[in-house]
């Protein structure tokens, strides 16, 4: 039997979940089960599916937090849950009905990772959920498997990093095998494991001060009355890290338009573009608008930000964010940015941001479902879209203007390869001189001026960004 890997600390439930709940525990689990089923069956985005599900329920704040923890925790640790359950079953986990498989994972997550939930309660509530969801036929099976898991949880063997690095990343740290293989090849066992572990941790809440209305120092002073652990970001000049508790979207500072929820790495992308007051800026892939509004804060009332997105529904989020922040310098248009853009208002532009759709593997801690939604064949298809976006957006940049290409993934195929291909086809573009890039980003830049952030190194999402310039001739 292979040696057991050291168990990571159990995930700490959100504030308010520590006490054994009596109000609606089954209802919270039902919400989680339905969301997880949607994610697996239709590759739905977990955050959108969860938001829609919670909007339809009368759950109180504690049970909404519990449902959220169950969804994200089960997705983060699904690989490890499947490995443990697989050792207890007499058939492959994939041979089970999807709804039964989902309930098994949900119960296993509570047993293995939720200290606040007694094992007996996790088993009992899973069986009750099965009855409500119409899978009563499986209640005896669920009861038997989860009770056995509760008895042997501490003795289940896990592949050790030293003996089986790939197995450790896949089965102990919950990565799909293809992602584990890529990270091992690029980073080696120790750092790949550190990245995987950081990608399983819940990210801190981070906000960006609306520099048109308040400095980040003044914002920090106000927020500390409600977020005692708040501190300034290390790299983003407008950023404040709030910590892991609270609801910034309901905070008076957010409602008043003084700040926007945004990860520090995403803030650094706008800092790399460095738009100036009065400039015309294109955001080619704008929704949901966090970078759009940051651009609008930088260019001020005399400037213009044109925000594009293919989805009218998602583009509405950009307009909503701009109105909350009091911005009248944003023009939002439904457009496919892979097509010619010369007819856009404001074209040509002084600066362009191409924050391209990507596999999202740098933001797994924030969107844990991405590891299961994205497959090994997707990066090449995404790279083709990214190349088309870069070519189209580059065509409407003024001579001497700056363009930033960014993604929240760590894959060479979507990052360096896309930029290299663009530069080989567009001789009128070059990389920006690293000496001329914002000094605050220095620790995040390599010798060529490429910005990289890593969850395990910097405590941010994993981003890649390069600033390109169009020659004046």
Foldseek 3Di string as FASTA:
>chain_A
DAAAADADAFDEAAPPQLADDDDCQLVLVLLLLVLLLCCVPPVDFSVVSLVVSVVPDPDDPNSSSVSVCLNLLLLQQVLQLLVLLCVQDPDRLVVDDSSLSSLLSSLSSCLQHPPSAPLVNSLVSSLVNCVVVVNNVCNVVSNVSSVVCNVCVVPDGFHYCVVDLLRCCRHVLNFDSVVSVVLCVVPNRPVSVLQSNLLSAAAFWKKFFLVVVDAQVVVQVVCCVVQVVKDAAQQQRRMITRGHHDDVCPDPCVQQQGIGTDFRVLSVLLLQQQDAAQWEEEELAAFPNPSVSVNQSHNDPNYAYEYEHQDPVRLVNNVVSCVSNVGPRYHYDNDLLLDADQPPPPFLGQEYEPAADALLALNCSPRSSSSVSDDPVPLQVSLVSLLSNCVRNVVRHAAFGKYKYKYLHDDCSNAVVSVVVNCVVDVQKDFDQLVPGDPSQVVQQDNSGWGFDGCSPRVTGTMTMTMMHGHND
